[in-house]
Amino acid sequence: MSDPGEEIAGIDYAEPRSSRIAQGLRWAAATFAVLGLLIVFGSMWLSTTVDALLAGARIGGIALGIPAVVAFAIAEWLDRRVYARSENDGPRAGPFF
């Protein structure tokens, strides 16, 4: 790797670390959202009472929906921070970013 921007196996090693973390958070958010929807639809299919349906929907929404929203929000915040820094070319915000 003589060139810092060189791509090996499709990975851009010059890409900021926080951008890769944001991409991983987006994958985690999508996974949580899909699993939450599967729980809700599964509860609709398997429930025999309205109480069981509401319990399944609450569990799916709270246990997996809220972490999905939080992970996506953090990923967007990291991306905006990276792009704002690259556009301004200002000083670095901290040791890890």
C-alpha atoms as a PDB file:
ATOM      1  CA  MET A   1       0.000   0.000   0.000  1.00  0.00           C
ATOM      2  CA  SER A   2       2.227   2.748  -1.219  1.00  0.00           C
ATOM      3  CA  ASP A   3      -0.630   5.151  -1.927  1.00  0.00           C
ATOM      4  CA  PRO A   4      -2.738   6.119   1.136  1.00  0.00           C
ATOM      5  CA  GLY A   5      -5.880   6.303  -0.998  1.00  0.00           C
ATOM      6  CA  GLU A   6      -5.269   2.928  -2.620  1.00  0.00           C
ATOM      7  CA  GLU A   7      -8.169   0.500  -2.733  1.00  0.00           C
ATOM      8  CA  ILE A   8      -7.501  -3.134  -1.934  1.00  0.00           C
ATOM      9  CA  ALA A   9     -10.343  -5.639  -2.335  1.00  0.00           C
ATOM     10  CA  GLY A  10     -12.857  -2.808  -2.679  1.00  0.00           C
ATOM     11  CA  ILE A  11     -11.947  -1.168   0.649  1.00  0.00           C
ATOM     12  CA  ASP A  12     -10.876   2.455   0.597  1.00  0.00           C
ATOM     13  CA  TYR A  13      -8.345   2.690   3.414  1.00  0.00           C
ATOM     14  CA  ALA A  14      -8.248   6.481   3.199  1.00  0.00           C
ATOM     15  CA  GLU A  15     -11.921   6.640   4.186  1.00  0.00           C
ATOM     16  CA  PRO A  16     -12.402   8.124   7.665  1.00  0.00           C
ATOM     17  CA  ARG A  17     -12.835   5.662  10.485  1.00  0.00           C
ATOM     18  CA  SER A  18     -16.045   7.319  11.663  1.00  0.00           C
ATOM     19  CA  SER A  19     -17.560   6.879   8.195  1.00  0.00           C
ATOM     20  CA  ARG A  20     -16.973   3.120   8.408  1.00  0.00           C
ATOM     21  CA  ILE A  21     -18.494   3.095  11.886  1.00  0.00           C
ATOM     22  CA  ALA A  22     -21.524   4.959  10.530  1.00  0.00           C
ATOM     23  CA  GLN A  23     -21.911   2.378   7.785  1.00  0.00           C
ATOM     24  CA  GLY A  24     -21.839  -0.423  10.366  1.00  0.00           C
ATOM     25  CA  LEU A  25     -24.417   1.399  12.464  1.00  0.00           C
ATOM     26  CA  ARG A  26     -26.687   1.686   9.442  1.00  0.00           C
ATOM     27  CA  TRP A  27     -26.427  -2.072   8.883  1.00  0.00           C
ATOM     28  CA  ALA A  28     -27.217  -2.677  12.554  1.00  0.00           C
ATOM     29  CA  ALA A  29     -30.185  -0.290  12.386  1.00  0.00           C
ATOM     30  CA  ALA A  30     -31.554  -2.044   9.314  1.00  0.00           C
ATOM     31  CA  THR A  31     -31.146  -5.426  10.997  1.00  0.00           C
ATOM     32  CA  PHE A  32     -32.932  -4.246  14.140  1.00  0.00           C
ATOM     33  CA  ALA A  33     -35.754  -2.743  12.089  1.00  0.00           C
ATOM     34  CA  VAL A  34     -36.261  -5.933  10.064  1.00  0.00           C
ATOM     35  CA  LEU A  35     -36.186  -8.106  13.179  1.00  0.00           C
ATOM     36  CA  GLY A  36     -38.676  -5.799  14.896  1.00  0.00           C
ATOM     37  CA  LEU A  37     -41.028  -6.037  11.924  1.00  0.00           C
ATOM     38  CA  LEU A  38     -40.685  -9.823  11.904  1.00  0.00           C
ATOM     39  CA  ILE A  39     -41.635  -9.936  15.573  1.00  0.00           C
ATOM     40  CA  VAL A  40     -44.663  -7.719  14.972  1.00  0.00           C
ATOM     41  CA  PHE A  41     -45.828  -9.742  11.965  1.00  0.00           C
ATOM     42  CA  GLY A  42     -45.112 -12.976  13.805  1.00  0.00           C
ATOM     43  CA  SER A  43     -47.215 -11.820  16.716  1.00  0.00           C
ATOM     44  CA  MET A  44     -50.021 -10.989  14.296  1.00  0.00           C
ATOM     45  CA  TRP A  45     -49.848 -14.453  12.809  1.00  0.00           C
ATOM     46  CA  LEU A  46     -49.419 -16.413  16.051  1.00  0.00           C
ATOM     47  CA  SER A  47     -51.613 -14.461  18.430  1.00  0.00           C
ATOM     48  CA  THR A  48     -55.035 -15.699  19.431  1.00  0.00           C
ATOM     49  CA  THR A  49     -56.090 -12.674  21.466  1.00  0.00           C
ATOM     50  CA  VAL A  50     -55.812  -8.945  21.100  1.00  0.00           C
ATOM     51  CA  ASP A  51     -53.725  -8.779  24.281  1.00  0.00           C
ATOM     52  CA  ALA A  52     -51.134 -11.154  22.798  1.00  0.00           C
ATOM     53  CA  LEU A  53     -51.072  -9.109  19.592  1.00  0.00           C
ATOM     54  CA  LEU A  54     -50.500  -5.863  21.472  1.00  0.00           C
ATOM     55  CA  ALA A  55     -47.807  -7.451  23.650  1.00  0.00           C
ATOM     56  CA  GLY A  56     -45.946  -8.730  20.581  1.00  0.00           C
ATOM     57  CA  ALA A  57     -46.188  -5.364  18.865  1.00  0.00           C
ATOM     58  CA  ARG A  58     -44.906  -3.575  21.956  1.00  0.00           C
ATOM     59  CA  ILE A  59     -42.013  -5.986  22.373  1.00  0.00           C
ATOM     60  CA  GLY A  60     -41.033  -5.666  18.725  1.00  0.00           C
ATOM     61  CA  GLY A  61     -41.324  -1.902  18.762  1.00  0.00           C
ATOM     62  CA  ILE A  62     -39.588  -1.222  22.027  1.00  0.00           C
ATOM     63  CA  ALA A  63     -36.934  -3.938  22.067  1.00  0.00           C
ATOM     64  CA  LEU A  64     -35.790  -3.558  18.472  1.00  0.00           C
ATOM     65  CA  GLY A  65     -37.421  -0.440  17.023  1.00  0.00           C
ATOM     66  CA  ILE A  66     -35.945   2.069  19.442  1.00  0.00           C
ATOM     67  CA  PRO A  67     -32.353   0.750  19.093  1.00  0.00           C
ATOM     68  CA  ALA A  68     -32.780   0.883  15.305  1.00  0.00           C
ATOM     69  CA  VAL A  69     -33.780   4.541  15.421  1.00  0.00           C
ATOM     70  CA  VAL A  70     -30.942   5.394  17.821  1.00  0.00           C
ATOM     71  CA  ALA A  71     -28.326   3.566  15.714  1.00  0.00           C
ATOM     72  CA  PHE A  72     -29.514   5.303  12.561  1.00  0.00           C
ATOM     73  CA  ALA A  73     -29.486   8.712  14.274  1.00  0.00           C
ATOM     74  CA  ILE A  74     -25.923   8.201  15.519  1.00  0.00           C
ATOM     75  CA  ALA A  75     -24.826   7.080  12.040  1.00  0.00           C
ATOM     76  CA  GLU A  76     -26.304  10.197  10.463  1.00  0.00           C
ATOM     77  CA  TRP A  77     -24.698  12.396  13.112  1.00  0.00           C
ATOM     78  CA  LEU A  78     -21.285  10.823  12.448  1.00  0.00           C
ATOM     79  CA  ASP A  79     -21.638  11.281   8.697  1.00  0.00           C
ATOM     80  CA  ARG A  80     -22.643  14.914   9.016  1.00  0.00           C
ATOM     81  CA  ARG A  81     -19.734  15.520  11.344  1.00  0.00           C
ATOM     82  CA  VAL A  82     -17.268  13.920   8.911  1.00  0.00           C
ATOM     83  CA  TYR A  83     -18.596  15.784   5.867  1.00  0.00           C
ATOM     84  CA  ALA A  84     -18.781  19.100   7.714  1.00  0.00           C
ATOM     85  CA  ARG A  85     -15.156  18.704   8.773  1.00  0.00           C
ATOM     86  CA  SER A  86     -14.024  17.756   5.262  1.00  0.00           C
ATOM     87  CA  GLU A  87     -15.846  20.743   3.725  1.00  0.00           C
ATOM     88  CA  ASN A  88     -14.471  23.232   6.250  1.00  0.00           C
ATOM     89  CA  ASP A  89     -10.973  21.731   6.451  1.00  0.00           C
ATOM     90  CA  GLY A  90     -10.860  23.001   9.996  1.00  0.00           C
ATOM     91  CA  PRO A  91      -9.013  21.548  12.954  1.00  0.00           C
ATOM     92  CA  ARG A  92      -9.872  18.065  14.121  1.00  0.00           C
ATOM     93  CA  ALA A  93     -12.527  17.800  16.810  1.00  0.00           C
ATOM     94  CA  GLY A  94     -10.758  15.212  18.927  1.00  0.00           C
ATOM     95  CA  PRO A  95      -8.279  12.366  18.967  1.00  0.00           C
ATOM     96  CA  PHE A  96     -10.643   9.819  17.416  1.00  0.00           C
ATOM     97  CA  PHE A  97     -12.331  11.881  14.742  1.00  0.00           C
END
